[in-house]
Amino acid sequence: MRASGPGGQNVNKVSTAVQLRFDYLRARLSSAQREMIRVTRDARILSSGEIVIKAQRFRSQEKNKQDALNRLNTLLDKATSVKPTRIATQPTRGAKERRLETKRNNSGKKSNRGAIRDFD
């Protein structure tokens, strides 16, 4: 397909852009991986079960093909990676003390902002 954008007269003659369509519903993936891809919020993932990637970064069609495949692999790796579960930890004693000291400082600043009272 032809690339869009600036490029002079050559862009009207040469088809260097590539559109990659990958049907992840028919691919050899586990059902869990398919579900992870389906719930990924990405505009390139269509509700029909296809991933569409348009590559037109380079002037060579071969480089654009390789770029499209690399971007597909990156998208699939990101969508199917399992994030490690967070292990809850307790704040350290020093962190608690620093937080309380900051709260005391802020409280002192704000208490001085009130109306000035005359005690005479």
N, C-alpha and C. Protein backbone atom coordinates (compact mmCIF):
# COMPACT_ATOMS: atom_id res chain seq x y z
N MET A 1 0.84 -1.17 0.00
CA MET A 1 0.00 0.00 0.00
C MET A 1 0.88 1.23 0.00
N ARG A 2 0.33 2.34 -0.45
CA ARG A 2 1.11 3.57 -0.55
C ARG A 2 1.13 4.29 0.79
N ALA A 3 2.26 4.87 1.08
CA ALA A 3 2.42 5.61 2.33
C ALA A 3 1.81 7.00 2.17
N SER A 4 1.32 7.54 3.27
CA SER A 4 0.78 8.90 3.25
C SER A 4 1.83 9.87 3.72
N GLY A 5 1.55 11.15 3.58
CA GLY A 5 2.45 12.18 4.08
C GLY A 5 3.37 12.70 3.01
N PRO A 6 4.31 13.56 3.39
CA PRO A 6 5.20 14.19 2.43
C PRO A 6 6.17 13.18 1.83
N GLY A 7 6.68 13.50 0.66
CA GLY A 7 7.64 12.60 0.05
C GLY A 7 7.92 12.93 -1.40
N GLY A 8 7.27 13.94 -1.93
CA GLY A 8 7.57 14.35 -3.29
C GLY A 8 6.91 13.44 -4.31
N GLN A 9 7.47 13.41 -5.52
CA GLN A 9 6.86 12.65 -6.61
C GLN A 9 7.02 11.16 -6.43
N ASN A 10 8.06 10.73 -5.74
CA ASN A 10 8.32 9.30 -5.59
C ASN A 10 7.23 8.60 -4.79
N VAL A 11 6.60 9.31 -3.86
CA VAL A 11 5.60 8.69 -3.00
C VAL A 11 4.37 8.26 -3.81
N ASN A 12 4.14 8.91 -4.96
CA ASN A 12 2.99 8.55 -5.78
C ASN A 12 3.24 7.30 -6.62
N LYS A 13 4.51 6.91 -6.76
CA LYS A 13 4.84 5.78 -7.63
C LYS A 13 5.17 4.51 -6.86
N VAL A 14 5.62 4.64 -5.63
CA VAL A 14 6.17 3.49 -4.91
C VAL A 14 5.27 3.12 -3.75
N SER A 15 4.98 1.83 -3.63
CA SER A 15 4.16 1.33 -2.52
C SER A 15 5.10 0.73 -1.47
N THR A 16 5.41 1.51 -0.44
CA THR A 16 6.35 1.04 0.57
C THR A 16 5.69 0.78 1.92
N ALA A 17 4.50 1.32 2.14
CA ALA A 17 3.84 1.12 3.43
C ALA A 17 3.33 -0.32 3.53
N VAL A 18 3.21 -0.80 4.77
CA VAL A 18 2.78 -2.17 5.01
C VAL A 18 1.67 -2.15 6.03
N GLN A 19 0.63 -2.95 5.79
CA GLN A 19 -0.44 -3.11 6.78
C GLN A 19 -0.46 -4.58 7.17
N LEU A 20 -0.18 -4.84 8.42
CA LEU A 20 -0.13 -6.20 8.95
C LEU A 20 -1.42 -6.49 9.68
N ARG A 21 -2.08 -7.59 9.32
CA ARG A 21 -3.31 -8.03 9.99
C ARG A 21 -3.03 -9.38 10.63
N PHE A 22 -3.28 -9.47 11.93
CA PHE A 22 -3.03 -10.70 12.68
C PHE A 22 -4.31 -11.09 13.39
N ASP A 23 -4.84 -12.27 13.08
CA ASP A 23 -6.06 -12.77 13.70
C ASP A 23 -5.66 -13.58 14.93
N TYR A 24 -5.75 -12.96 16.10
CA TYR A 24 -5.31 -13.64 17.32
C TYR A 24 -6.30 -14.70 17.78
N LEU A 25 -7.53 -14.67 17.30
CA LEU A 25 -8.50 -15.70 17.68
C LEU A 25 -8.17 -17.04 17.02
N ARG A 26 -7.56 -17.01 15.84
CA ARG A 26 -7.20 -18.24 15.13
C ARG A 26 -5.76 -18.66 15.38
N ALA A 27 -4.99 -17.82 16.03
CA ALA A 27 -3.58 -18.14 16.29
C ALA A 27 -3.48 -19.22 17.35
N ARG A 28 -2.32 -19.86 17.40
CA ARG A 28 -2.10 -20.93 18.38
C ARG A 28 -1.70 -20.31 19.71
N LEU A 29 -2.71 -19.81 20.42
CA LEU A 29 -2.52 -19.21 21.73
C LEU A 29 -3.46 -19.89 22.70
N SER A 30 -3.13 -19.84 23.97
CA SER A 30 -4.04 -20.39 24.98
C SER A 30 -5.23 -19.46 25.13
N SER A 31 -6.30 -19.98 25.69
CA SER A 31 -7.50 -19.15 25.87
C SER A 31 -7.22 -18.00 26.85
N ALA A 32 -6.36 -18.24 27.81
CA ALA A 32 -6.00 -17.17 28.76
C ALA A 32 -5.27 -16.05 28.03
N GLN A 33 -4.36 -16.39 27.11
CA GLN A 33 -3.63 -15.38 26.36
C GLN A 33 -4.57 -14.61 25.44
N ARG A 34 -5.52 -15.32 24.81
CA ARG A 34 -6.50 -14.64 23.95
C ARG A 34 -7.31 -13.63 24.76
N GLU A 35 -7.71 -14.04 25.96
CA GLU A 35 -8.50 -13.14 26.82
C GLU A 35 -7.68 -11.93 27.25
N MET A 36 -6.40 -12.15 27.55
CA MET A 36 -5.53 -11.04 27.94
C MET A 36 -5.38 -10.05 26.80
N ILE A 37 -5.26 -10.55 25.57
CA ILE A 37 -5.16 -9.66 24.41
C ILE A 37 -6.47 -8.92 24.20
N ARG A 38 -7.59 -9.62 24.38
CA ARG A 38 -8.89 -9.02 24.13
C ARG A 38 -9.17 -7.86 25.08
N VAL A 39 -8.77 -7.97 26.35
CA VAL A 39 -9.05 -6.92 27.32
C VAL A 39 -8.00 -5.81 27.32
N THR A 40 -6.94 -5.96 26.54
CA THR A 40 -5.93 -4.91 26.45
C THR A 40 -6.53 -3.71 25.72
N ARG A 41 -6.33 -2.53 26.32
CA ARG A 41 -6.87 -1.31 25.72
C ARG A 41 -5.85 -0.75 24.73
N ASP A 42 -6.06 -1.08 23.46
CA ASP A 42 -5.18 -0.60 22.40
C ASP A 42 -6.02 -0.42 21.16
N ALA A 43 -5.88 0.69 20.48
CA ALA A 43 -6.70 1.00 19.31
C ALA A 43 -6.40 0.06 18.15
N ARG A 44 -5.26 -0.59 18.17
CA ARG A 44 -4.90 -1.49 17.06
C ARG A 44 -5.58 -2.84 17.19
N ILE A 45 -6.15 -3.16 18.35
CA ILE A 45 -6.83 -4.43 18.55
C ILE A 45 -8.31 -4.21 18.28
N LEU A 46 -8.83 -4.87 17.25
CA LEU A 46 -10.22 -4.70 16.85
C LEU A 46 -11.11 -5.69 17.58
N SER A 47 -12.39 -5.37 17.69
CA SER A 47 -13.33 -6.27 18.37
C SER A 47 -13.60 -7.52 17.54
N SER A 48 -13.28 -7.49 16.25
CA SER A 48 -13.49 -8.66 15.40
C SER A 48 -12.43 -9.74 15.61
N GLY A 49 -11.42 -9.46 16.44
CA GLY A 49 -10.40 -10.46 16.73
C GLY A 49 -9.14 -10.27 15.91
N GLU A 50 -8.96 -9.11 15.33
CA GLU A 50 -7.76 -8.85 14.54
C GLU A 50 -6.93 -7.74 15.18
N ILE A 51 -5.65 -7.83 14.93
CA ILE A 51 -4.73 -6.76 15.29
C ILE A 51 -4.22 -6.17 13.98
N VAL A 52 -4.39 -4.87 13.79
CA VAL A 52 -3.99 -4.20 12.55
C VAL A 52 -2.87 -3.22 12.87
N ILE A 53 -1.73 -3.42 12.20
CA ILE A 53 -0.58 -2.54 12.39
C ILE A 53 -0.17 -1.99 11.03
N LYS A 54 -0.10 -0.66 10.94
CA LYS A 54 0.33 0.00 9.70
C LYS A 54 1.73 0.54 9.93
N ALA A 55 2.66 0.13 9.06
CA ALA A 55 4.05 0.56 9.18
C ALA A 55 4.44 1.33 7.93
N GLN A 56 4.83 2.59 8.10
CA GLN A 56 5.27 3.40 6.97
C GLN A 56 6.43 4.31 7.36
N ARG A 57 7.16 3.91 8.36
CA ARG A 57 8.24 4.73 8.90
C ARG A 57 9.44 4.82 7.95
N PHE A 58 9.70 3.73 7.23
CA PHE A 58 10.91 3.67 6.40
C PHE A 58 10.55 3.80 4.93
N ARG A 59 11.57 4.09 4.10
CA ARG A 59 11.36 4.22 2.66
C ARG A 59 11.40 2.88 1.95
N SER A 60 11.86 1.86 2.63
CA SER A 60 11.95 0.53 2.04
C SER A 60 10.80 -0.34 2.56
N GLN A 61 10.18 -1.08 1.65
CA GLN A 61 9.07 -1.94 2.06
C GLN A 61 9.57 -3.07 2.96
N GLU A 62 10.76 -3.56 2.71
CA GLU A 62 11.32 -4.64 3.53
C GLU A 62 11.52 -4.20 4.97
N LYS A 63 12.03 -2.98 5.15
CA LYS A 63 12.22 -2.45 6.51
C LYS A 63 10.87 -2.22 7.19
N ASN A 64 9.87 -1.78 6.42
CA ASN A 64 8.54 -1.58 7.01
C ASN A 64 7.92 -2.91 7.43
N LYS A 65 8.16 -3.98 6.64
CA LYS A 65 7.66 -5.30 7.03
C LYS A 65 8.28 -5.75 8.35
N GLN A 66 9.58 -5.57 8.45
CA GLN A 66 10.28 -5.96 9.68
C GLN A 66 9.81 -5.12 10.87
N ASP A 67 9.59 -3.83 10.62
CA ASP A 67 9.10 -2.94 11.67
C ASP A 67 7.72 -3.36 12.14
N ALA A 68 6.84 -3.74 11.21
CA ALA A 68 5.49 -4.17 11.57
C ALA A 68 5.54 -5.45 12.40
N LEU A 69 6.40 -6.39 12.02
CA LEU A 69 6.52 -7.64 12.79
C LEU A 69 7.08 -7.38 14.18
N ASN A 70 8.07 -6.48 14.28
CA ASN A 70 8.63 -6.15 15.59
C ASN A 70 7.58 -5.50 16.48
N ARG A 71 6.76 -4.59 15.90
CA ARG A 71 5.72 -3.94 16.69
C ARG A 71 4.64 -4.93 17.11
N LEU A 72 4.33 -5.90 16.25
CA LEU A 72 3.36 -6.94 16.63
C LEU A 72 3.89 -7.77 17.78
N ASN A 73 5.16 -8.18 17.70
CA ASN A 73 5.76 -8.97 18.78
C ASN A 73 5.78 -8.19 20.09
N THR A 74 6.09 -6.91 20.02
CA THR A 74 6.11 -6.07 21.22
C THR A 74 4.72 -5.98 21.83
N LEU A 75 3.71 -5.78 20.98
CA LEU A 75 2.33 -5.68 21.45
C LEU A 75 1.88 -6.98 22.10
N LEU A 76 2.20 -8.12 21.47
CA LEU A 76 1.79 -9.41 22.03
C LEU A 76 2.52 -9.71 23.34
N ASP A 77 3.81 -9.37 23.41
CA ASP A 77 4.55 -9.58 24.65
C ASP A 77 3.97 -8.75 25.78
N LYS A 78 3.64 -7.50 25.48
CA LYS A 78 3.09 -6.61 26.50
C LYS A 78 1.70 -7.07 26.95
N ALA A 79 0.89 -7.54 25.98
CA ALA A 79 -0.49 -7.93 26.30
C ALA A 79 -0.56 -9.26 27.05
N THR A 80 0.39 -10.15 26.79
CA THR A 80 0.30 -11.49 27.40
C THR A 80 1.24 -11.67 28.58
N SER A 81 1.97 -10.63 28.97
CA SER A 81 2.87 -10.78 30.11
C SER A 81 2.06 -10.77 31.41
N VAL A 82 2.43 -11.64 32.30
CA VAL A 82 1.75 -11.74 33.60
C VAL A 82 2.48 -10.84 34.58
N LYS A 83 1.77 -9.88 35.12
CA LYS A 83 2.37 -8.96 36.08
C LYS A 83 2.52 -9.65 37.43
N PRO A 84 3.66 -9.48 38.10
CA PRO A 84 3.82 -10.11 39.41
C PRO A 84 2.89 -9.47 40.44
N THR A 85 2.41 -10.28 41.35
CA THR A 85 1.51 -9.75 42.37
C THR A 85 2.32 -8.93 43.37
N ARG A 86 1.71 -7.86 43.83
CA ARG A 86 2.39 -6.96 44.76
C ARG A 86 2.34 -7.56 46.16
N ILE A 87 3.47 -7.55 46.81
CA ILE A 87 3.56 -8.04 48.19
C ILE A 87 3.48 -6.82 49.10
N ALA A 88 2.44 -6.80 49.94
CA ALA A 88 2.24 -5.67 50.84
C ALA A 88 3.33 -5.66 51.91
N THR A 89 3.90 -4.49 52.16
CA THR A 89 4.93 -4.35 53.18
C THR A 89 4.53 -3.25 54.14
N GLN A 90 5.11 -3.28 55.31
CA GLN A 90 4.85 -2.26 56.32
C GLN A 90 5.87 -1.14 56.17
N PRO A 91 5.46 0.12 56.40
CA PRO A 91 6.43 1.21 56.34
C PRO A 91 7.44 1.09 57.49
N THR A 92 8.66 1.52 57.25
CA THR A 92 9.69 1.42 58.28
C THR A 92 9.45 2.48 59.36
N ARG A 93 10.11 2.31 60.49
CA ARG A 93 9.95 3.25 61.60
C ARG A 93 10.42 4.65 61.21
N GLY A 94 11.53 4.70 60.47
CA GLY A 94 12.04 5.99 60.01
C GLY A 94 11.06 6.68 59.08
N ALA A 95 10.40 5.91 58.21
CA ALA A 95 9.43 6.50 57.28
C ALA A 95 8.24 7.06 58.04
N LYS A 96 7.81 6.34 59.07
CA LYS A 96 6.68 6.84 59.88
C LYS A 96 7.06 8.14 60.58
N GLU A 97 8.28 8.17 61.15
CA GLU A 97 8.73 9.37 61.85
C GLU A 97 8.86 10.56 60.90
N ARG A 98 9.39 10.34 59.70
CA ARG A 98 9.51 11.42 58.72
C ARG A 98 8.14 11.95 58.32
N ARG A 99 7.18 11.05 58.13
CA ARG A 99 5.83 11.47 57.77
C ARG A 99 5.21 12.32 58.87
N LEU A 100 5.35 11.90 60.12
CA LEU A 100 4.78 12.64 61.23
C LEU A 100 5.46 14.00 61.41
N GLU A 101 6.78 14.04 61.20
CA GLU A 101 7.50 15.31 61.30
C GLU A 101 7.03 16.29 60.23
N THR A 102 6.83 15.81 59.03
CA THR A 102 6.32 16.66 57.95
C THR A 102 4.93 17.18 58.29
N LYS A 103 4.10 16.30 58.86
CA LYS A 103 2.75 16.73 59.25
C LYS A 103 2.81 17.82 60.32
N ARG A 104 3.74 17.68 61.28
CA ARG A 104 3.88 18.70 62.32
C ARG A 104 4.33 20.03 61.73
N ASN A 105 5.27 19.98 60.79
CA ASN A 105 5.74 21.20 60.14
C ASN A 105 4.62 21.89 59.38
N ASN A 106 3.85 21.12 58.61
CA ASN A 106 2.75 21.70 57.84
C ASN A 106 1.68 22.27 58.77
N SER A 107 1.43 21.61 59.87
CA SER A 107 0.44 22.09 60.83
C SER A 107 0.88 23.41 61.43
N GLY A 108 2.17 23.52 61.76
CA GLY A 108 2.69 24.77 62.30
C GLY A 108 2.60 25.91 61.31
N LYS A 109 2.89 25.64 60.05
CA LYS A 109 2.78 26.67 59.02
C LYS A 109 1.35 27.19 58.93
N LYS A 110 0.41 26.26 58.90
CA LYS A 110 -0.98 26.65 58.68
C LYS A 110 -1.60 27.31 59.91
N SER A 111 -1.12 26.96 61.10
CA SER A 111 -1.69 27.58 62.30
C SER A 111 -1.27 29.05 62.40
N ASN A 112 -0.14 29.40 61.78
CA ASN A 112 0.31 30.79 61.79
C ASN A 112 -0.41 31.66 60.76
N ARG A 113 -1.23 31.07 59.91
CA ARG A 113 -1.93 31.83 58.87
C ARG A 113 -3.24 32.44 59.35
N GLY A 114 -3.64 32.14 60.55
CA GLY A 114 -4.94 32.63 61.05
C GLY A 114 -4.92 34.11 61.33
N ALA A 115 -6.07 34.61 61.77
CA ALA A 115 -6.19 36.04 62.09
C ALA A 115 -5.32 36.38 63.30
N ILE A 116 -4.74 37.55 63.32
CA ILE A 116 -3.88 37.97 64.42
C ILE A 116 -4.78 38.47 65.54
N ARG A 117 -4.58 37.89 66.74
CA ARG A 117 -5.39 38.27 67.90
C ARG A 117 -4.59 39.18 68.81
N ASP A 118 -5.27 40.16 69.37
CA ASP A 118 -4.63 41.08 70.31
C ASP A 118 -5.03 40.66 71.72
N PHE A 119 -4.06 40.33 72.57
CA PHE A 119 -4.38 39.84 73.92
C PHE A 119 -4.40 40.95 74.95
N ASP A 120 -4.38 42.21 74.59
CA ASP A 120 -4.39 43.31 75.57
C ASP A 120 -5.77 43.68 76.00
